[in-house]
Amino acid sequence: PGHLSPFHYFLENLPSPGYYAGQATYFLGEVSRQNHWDYYPVVFLLKSPLSFLFFLFTACVLGVSGKIKIQTWQWLTPCALMAASIPFINIGIRQVLPIYPFLILAAGQGAGWLLTGISPGLKSLSRVLVGGLLLFQVVSVASSFPRHVSYFNETVPPEKKLFWLGDSNLDMGQDTKRL
């Protein structure tokens, strides 16, 4: 209120990214006013489906071993976006949502190699594995309906969700229709 130009207000606060610093964050059972460098990697691991993490890990191992080629932009962009979010207040996974398309492409390469690049004797087993993991992911994510925002993967027992993360990571699904 009182600003004739909201854009001026935006530009006025742009040079100070720490403008919101000092807000309380709940992480690992503690309320703190400081940012944690490990917040976003932990949030990513706890709130991403296990099947996705398996395919992403497979892609990373295959990329390092040279069996598949992951384009530089597919891994460098998520790393840069994740690093860029570290100095800002830890406010949930929504800060790092832009990394997911890049990582989904890499995970798809891992799943694709399991389907086509594996030895011929294991092709039927790998097809069952990939299909089973994809079905597991659908069931895992769909079972959180209608509270998708508060989704945690199966490694986190329901009673421990609040210990690991709080605030916007546990929203009760408000505004899901608009989202």
C-alpha atoms as a PDB file:
ATOM      1  CA  PRO A   1       0.000   0.000   0.000  1.00  0.00           C
ATOM      2  CA  GLY A   2       1.098   3.513  -0.736  1.00  0.00           C
ATOM      3  CA  HIS A   3       3.337   2.549  -3.672  1.00  0.00           C
ATOM      4  CA  LEU A   4       2.290   3.938  -7.012  1.00  0.00           C
ATOM      5  CA  SER A   5       4.549   1.461  -8.746  1.00  0.00           C
ATOM      6  CA  PRO A   6       4.830  -2.096  -7.367  1.00  0.00           C
ATOM      7  CA  PHE A   7       7.708  -2.643  -9.797  1.00  0.00           C
ATOM      8  CA  HIS A   8       9.671   0.110  -8.001  1.00  0.00           C
ATOM      9  CA  TYR A   9       9.047  -1.674  -4.683  1.00  0.00           C
ATOM     10  CA  PHE A  10      10.322  -4.913  -6.234  1.00  0.00           C
ATOM     11  CA  LEU A  11      13.464  -3.283  -7.607  1.00  0.00           C
ATOM     12  CA  GLU A  12      14.066  -1.508  -4.309  1.00  0.00           C
ATOM     13  CA  ASN A  13      14.363  -4.859  -2.504  1.00  0.00           C
ATOM     14  CA  LEU A  14      16.061  -6.806  -5.268  1.00  0.00           C
ATOM     15  CA  PRO A  15      19.657  -6.011  -4.183  1.00  0.00           C
ATOM     16  CA  SER A  16      18.984  -7.453  -0.725  1.00  0.00           C
ATOM     17  CA  PRO A  17      18.196 -11.163  -1.146  1.00  0.00           C
ATOM     18  CA  GLY A  18      18.512 -11.551   2.599  1.00  0.00           C
ATOM     19  CA  TYR A  19      15.409  -9.401   3.017  1.00  0.00           C
ATOM     20  CA  TYR A  20      13.465 -12.371   4.313  1.00  0.00           C
ATOM     21  CA  ALA A  21      16.387 -13.825   6.266  1.00  0.00           C
ATOM     22  CA  GLY A  22      15.720 -14.278   9.927  1.00  0.00           C
ATOM     23  CA  GLN A  23      12.348 -15.963   9.445  1.00  0.00           C
ATOM     24  CA  ALA A  24      12.005 -19.098  11.529  1.00  0.00           C
ATOM     25  CA  THR A  25      12.532 -22.413   9.746  1.00  0.00           C
ATOM     26  CA  TYR A  26      11.651 -25.833  11.117  1.00  0.00           C
ATOM     27  CA  PHE A  27      14.192 -28.497  10.126  1.00  0.00           C
ATOM     28  CA  LEU A  28      15.358 -31.741  11.746  1.00  0.00           C
ATOM     29  CA  GLY A  29      13.330 -31.202  14.898  1.00  0.00           C
ATOM     30  CA  GLU A  30      14.541 -27.659  15.545  1.00  0.00           C
ATOM     31  CA  VAL A  31      13.219 -24.175  14.932  1.00  0.00           C
ATOM     32  CA  SER A  32      16.005 -21.915  13.735  1.00  0.00           C
ATOM     33  CA  ARG A  33      16.431 -18.475  12.213  1.00  0.00           C
ATOM     34  CA  GLN A  34      19.425 -19.554  10.165  1.00  0.00           C
ATOM     35  CA  ASN A  35      19.524 -21.308   6.817  1.00  0.00           C
ATOM     36  CA  HIS A  36      20.910 -24.802   6.554  1.00  0.00           C
ATOM     37  CA  TRP A  37      23.113 -25.703   3.590  1.00  0.00           C
ATOM     38  CA  ASP A  38      21.783 -29.274   3.660  1.00  0.00           C
ATOM     39  CA  TYR A  39      18.091 -28.294   3.805  1.00  0.00           C
ATOM     40  CA  TYR A  40      17.279 -28.618   0.092  1.00  0.00           C
ATOM     41  CA  PRO A  41      19.154 -31.893  -0.513  1.00  0.00           C
ATOM     42  CA  VAL A  42      17.354 -33.435   2.495  1.00  0.00           C
ATOM     43  CA  VAL A  43      13.981 -32.079   1.345  1.00  0.00           C
ATOM     44  CA  PHE A  44      14.652 -33.419  -2.154  1.00  0.00           C
ATOM     45  CA  LEU A  45      15.497 -36.903  -0.864  1.00  0.00           C
ATOM     46  CA  LEU A  46      12.552 -37.097   1.541  1.00  0.00           C
ATOM     47  CA  LYS A  47       9.876 -35.681  -0.751  1.00  0.00           C
ATOM     48  CA  SER A  48      10.826 -37.343  -4.040  1.00  0.00           C
ATOM     49  CA  PRO A  49       9.299 -40.732  -4.892  1.00  0.00           C
ATOM     50  CA  LEU A  50      11.626 -43.679  -4.308  1.00  0.00           C
ATOM     51  CA  SER A  51      11.258 -44.988  -7.863  1.00  0.00           C
ATOM     52  CA  PHE A  52      12.322 -41.618  -9.251  1.00  0.00           C
ATOM     53  CA  LEU A  53      15.327 -41.559  -6.909  1.00  0.00           C
ATOM     54  CA  PHE A  54      16.263 -45.109  -7.986  1.00  0.00           C
ATOM     55  CA  PHE A  55      16.148 -44.212 -11.687  1.00  0.00           C
ATOM     56  CA  LEU A  56      18.071 -40.985 -11.032  1.00  0.00           C
ATOM     57  CA  PHE A  57      20.738 -42.850  -9.046  1.00  0.00           C
ATOM     58  CA  THR A  58      20.954 -45.437 -11.845  1.00  0.00           C
ATOM     59  CA  ALA A  59      21.439 -42.644 -14.387  1.00  0.00           C
ATOM     60  CA  CYS A  60      24.179 -41.065 -12.265  1.00  0.00           C
ATOM     61  CA  VAL A  61      26.046 -44.368 -11.902  1.00  0.00           C
ATOM     62  CA  LEU A  62      25.681 -45.108 -15.616  1.00  0.00           C
ATOM     63  CA  GLY A  63      26.767 -41.568 -16.510  1.00  0.00           C
ATOM     64  CA  VAL A  64      29.879 -41.742 -14.344  1.00  0.00           C
ATOM     65  CA  SER A  65      30.743 -45.182 -15.704  1.00  0.00           C
ATOM     66  CA  GLY A  66      30.326 -43.925 -19.290  1.00  0.00           C
ATOM     67  CA  LYS A  67      27.497 -46.275 -20.255  1.00  0.00           C
ATOM     68  CA  ILE A  68      25.148 -43.366 -20.975  1.00  0.00           C
ATOM     69  CA  LYS A  69      25.813 -39.743 -21.843  1.00  0.00           C
ATOM     70  CA  ILE A  70      23.945 -37.238 -19.698  1.00  0.00           C
ATOM     71  CA  GLN A  71      24.081 -33.856 -21.378  1.00  0.00           C
ATOM     72  CA  THR A  72      25.879 -31.139 -19.404  1.00  0.00           C
ATOM     73  CA  TRP A  73      22.768 -28.938 -19.276  1.00  0.00           C
ATOM     74  CA  GLN A  74      20.798 -31.827 -17.709  1.00  0.00           C
ATOM     75  CA  TRP A  75      22.988 -32.033 -14.607  1.00  0.00           C
ATOM     76  CA  LEU A  76      24.620 -28.595 -14.450  1.00  0.00           C
ATOM     77  CA  THR A  77      21.338 -26.649 -14.458  1.00  0.00           C
ATOM     78  CA  PRO A  78      19.842 -28.478 -11.432  1.00  0.00           C
ATOM     79  CA  CYS A  79      23.129 -28.139  -9.544  1.00  0.00           C
ATOM     80  CA  ALA A  80      23.250 -24.406 -10.251  1.00  0.00           C
ATOM     81  CA  LEU A  81      19.586 -23.906  -9.313  1.00  0.00           C
ATOM     82  CA  MET A  82      20.016 -25.881  -6.089  1.00  0.00           C
ATOM     83  CA  ALA A  83      23.158 -23.937  -5.170  1.00  0.00           C
ATOM     84  CA  ALA A  84      21.446 -20.631  -5.957  1.00  0.00           C
ATOM     85  CA  SER A  85      18.652 -21.399  -3.483  1.00  0.00           C
ATOM     86  CA  ILE A  86      20.968 -22.183  -0.540  1.00  0.00           C
ATOM     87  CA  PRO A  87      21.531 -18.589   0.651  1.00  0.00           C
ATOM     88  CA  PHE A  88      17.808 -17.871   0.829  1.00  0.00           C
ATOM     89  CA  ILE A  89      15.412 -18.791   3.572  1.00  0.00           C
ATOM     90  CA  ASN A  90      14.594 -22.495   3.666  1.00  0.00           C
ATOM     91  CA  ILE A  91      10.905 -22.500   2.797  1.00  0.00           C
ATOM     92  CA  GLY A  92      10.226 -25.904   1.359  1.00  0.00           C
ATOM     93  CA  ILE A  93      10.614 -27.890  -1.787  1.00  0.00           C
ATOM     94  CA  ARG A  94       8.755 -25.308  -3.852  1.00  0.00           C
ATOM     95  CA  GLN A  95      12.015 -23.325  -3.995  1.00  0.00           C
ATOM     96  CA  VAL A  96      13.719 -26.084  -5.974  1.00  0.00           C
ATOM     97  CA  LEU A  97      10.818 -27.299  -8.123  1.00  0.00           C
ATOM     98  CA  PRO A  98      12.518 -25.989 -11.300  1.00  0.00           C
ATOM     99  CA  ILE A  99      15.202 -28.697 -10.979  1.00  0.00           C
ATOM    100  CA  TYR A 100      12.725 -31.550 -11.442  1.00  0.00           C
ATOM    101  CA  PRO A 101      12.269 -31.413 -15.256  1.00  0.00           C
ATOM    102  CA  PHE A 102      16.025 -31.749 -15.752  1.00  0.00           C
ATOM    103  CA  LEU A 103      16.312 -34.588 -13.251  1.00  0.00           C
ATOM    104  CA  ILE A 104      13.272 -36.368 -14.712  1.00  0.00           C
ATOM    105  CA  LEU A 105      15.031 -36.384 -18.090  1.00  0.00           C
ATOM    106  CA  ALA A 106      18.148 -37.895 -16.513  1.00  0.00           C
ATOM    107  CA  ALA A 107      16.088 -40.461 -14.573  1.00  0.00           C
ATOM    108  CA  GLY A 108      14.339 -41.351 -17.830  1.00  0.00           C
ATOM    109  CA  GLN A 109      17.713 -42.098 -19.372  1.00  0.00           C
ATOM    110  CA  GLY A 110      18.472 -44.431 -16.461  1.00  0.00           C
ATOM    111  CA  ALA A 111      15.132 -46.217 -16.879  1.00  0.00           C
ATOM    112  CA  GLY A 112      15.627 -46.361 -20.650  1.00  0.00           C
ATOM    113  CA  TRP A 113      19.020 -48.015 -20.251  1.00  0.00           C
ATOM    114  CA  LEU A 114      17.501 -50.593 -17.902  1.00  0.00           C
ATOM    115  CA  LEU A 115      14.982 -51.403 -20.635  1.00  0.00           C
ATOM    116  CA  THR A 116      17.312 -51.445 -23.650  1.00  0.00           C
ATOM    117  CA  GLY A 117      20.973 -51.363 -22.652  1.00  0.00           C
ATOM    118  CA  ILE A 118      21.076 -54.253 -20.249  1.00  0.00           C
ATOM    119  CA  SER A 119      22.299 -57.690 -21.347  1.00  0.00           C
ATOM    120  CA  PRO A 120      19.777 -59.755 -23.356  1.00  0.00           C
ATOM    121  CA  GLY A 121      19.462 -62.401 -20.643  1.00  0.00           C
ATOM    122  CA  LEU A 122      18.198 -59.846 -18.133  1.00  0.00           C
ATOM    123  CA  LYS A 123      15.858 -57.895 -20.426  1.00  0.00           C
ATOM    124  CA  SER A 124      12.651 -59.523 -19.194  1.00  0.00           C
ATOM    125  CA  LEU A 125      13.694 -59.100 -15.566  1.00  0.00           C
ATOM    126  CA  SER A 126      14.594 -55.443 -16.133  1.00  0.00           C
ATOM    127  CA  ARG A 127      11.237 -54.807 -17.843  1.00  0.00           C
ATOM    128  CA  VAL A 128       9.439 -56.232 -14.815  1.00  0.00           C
ATOM    129  CA  LEU A 129      11.637 -54.125 -12.513  1.00  0.00           C
ATOM    130  CA  VAL A 130      11.048 -50.870 -14.437  1.00  0.00           C
ATOM    131  CA  GLY A 131       7.317 -51.548 -14.801  1.00  0.00           C
ATOM    132  CA  GLY A 132       6.997 -52.460 -11.131  1.00  0.00           C
ATOM    133  CA  LEU A 133       8.864 -49.348 -10.020  1.00  0.00           C
ATOM    134  CA  LEU A 134       6.732 -47.112 -12.233  1.00  0.00           C
ATOM    135  CA  LEU A 135       3.554 -48.720 -10.869  1.00  0.00           C
ATOM    136  CA  PHE A 136       4.896 -48.309  -7.330  1.00  0.00           C
ATOM    137  CA  GLN A 137       5.503 -44.613  -7.987  1.00  0.00           C
ATOM    138  CA  VAL A 138       1.967 -44.087  -9.261  1.00  0.00           C
ATOM    139  CA  VAL A 139       0.497 -45.835  -6.207  1.00  0.00           C
ATOM    140  CA  SER A 140       2.832 -44.005  -3.832  1.00  0.00           C
ATOM    141  CA  VAL A 141       2.016 -40.545  -5.146  1.00  0.00           C
ATOM    142  CA  ALA A 142      -1.695 -41.225  -5.684  1.00  0.00           C
ATOM    143  CA  SER A 143      -2.075 -42.522  -2.125  1.00  0.00           C
ATOM    144  CA  SER A 144      -1.291 -39.053  -0.787  1.00  0.00           C
ATOM    145  CA  PHE A 145      -4.406 -37.623  -2.465  1.00  0.00           C
ATOM    146  CA  PRO A 146      -5.728 -35.006  -1.714  1.00  0.00           C
ATOM    147  CA  ARG A 147      -2.741 -33.827   0.366  1.00  0.00           C
ATOM    148  CA  HIS A 148      -0.052 -33.853  -2.317  1.00  0.00           C
ATOM    149  CA  VAL A 149       1.928 -31.008  -0.762  1.00  0.00           C
ATOM    150  CA  SER A 150       2.517 -33.056   2.391  1.00  0.00           C
ATOM    151  CA  TYR A 151       3.793 -36.082   0.414  1.00  0.00           C
ATOM    152  CA  PHE A 152       6.874 -37.817   1.807  1.00  0.00           C
ATOM    153  CA  ASN A 153       8.307 -41.006   0.322  1.00  0.00           C
ATOM    154  CA  GLU A 154       7.978 -44.319   2.139  1.00  0.00           C
ATOM    155  CA  THR A 155      11.270 -43.969   4.035  1.00  0.00           C
ATOM    156  CA  VAL A 156       9.597 -41.451   6.374  1.00  0.00           C
ATOM    157  CA  PRO A 157       7.082 -42.890   8.856  1.00  0.00           C
ATOM    158  CA  PRO A 158       4.001 -40.644   9.291  1.00  0.00           C
ATOM    159  CA  GLU A 159       4.866 -39.840  12.909  1.00  0.00           C
ATOM    160  CA  LYS A 160       8.360 -38.602  11.873  1.00  0.00           C
ATOM    161  CA  LYS A 161       7.235 -36.188   9.124  1.00  0.00           C
ATOM    162  CA  LEU A 162       6.979 -33.319  11.552  1.00  0.00           C
ATOM    163  CA  PHE A 163      10.433 -34.096  12.964  1.00  0.00           C
ATOM    164  CA  TRP A 164      12.110 -33.857   9.554  1.00  0.00           C
ATOM    165  CA  LEU A 165      10.305 -30.903   8.031  1.00  0.00           C
ATOM    166  CA  GLY A 166       7.624 -28.446   8.981  1.00  0.00           C
ATOM    167  CA  ASP A 167       5.899 -25.309   7.729  1.00  0.00           C
ATOM    168  CA  SER A 168       5.141 -25.314   3.991  1.00  0.00           C
ATOM    169  CA  ASN A 169       6.244 -28.929   3.571  1.00  0.00           C
ATOM    170  CA  LEU A 170       3.226 -30.088   5.588  1.00  0.00           C
ATOM    171  CA  ASP A 171       0.489 -27.842   4.205  1.00  0.00           C
ATOM    172  CA  MET A 172      -2.865 -29.525   4.300  1.00  0.00           C
ATOM    173  CA  GLY A 173      -3.452 -29.264   0.586  1.00  0.00           C
ATOM    174  CA  GLN A 174      -4.962 -25.796   0.620  1.00  0.00           C
ATOM    175  CA  ASP A 175      -5.132 -24.210  -2.804  1.00  0.00           C
ATOM    176  CA  THR A 176      -4.623 -27.560  -4.529  1.00  0.00           C
ATOM    177  CA  LYS A 177      -7.414 -26.827  -7.030  1.00  0.00           C
ATOM    178  CA  ARG A 178      -5.709 -23.636  -8.192  1.00  0.00           C
ATOM    179  CA  LEU A 179      -2.319 -25.332  -8.257  1.00  0.00           C
END
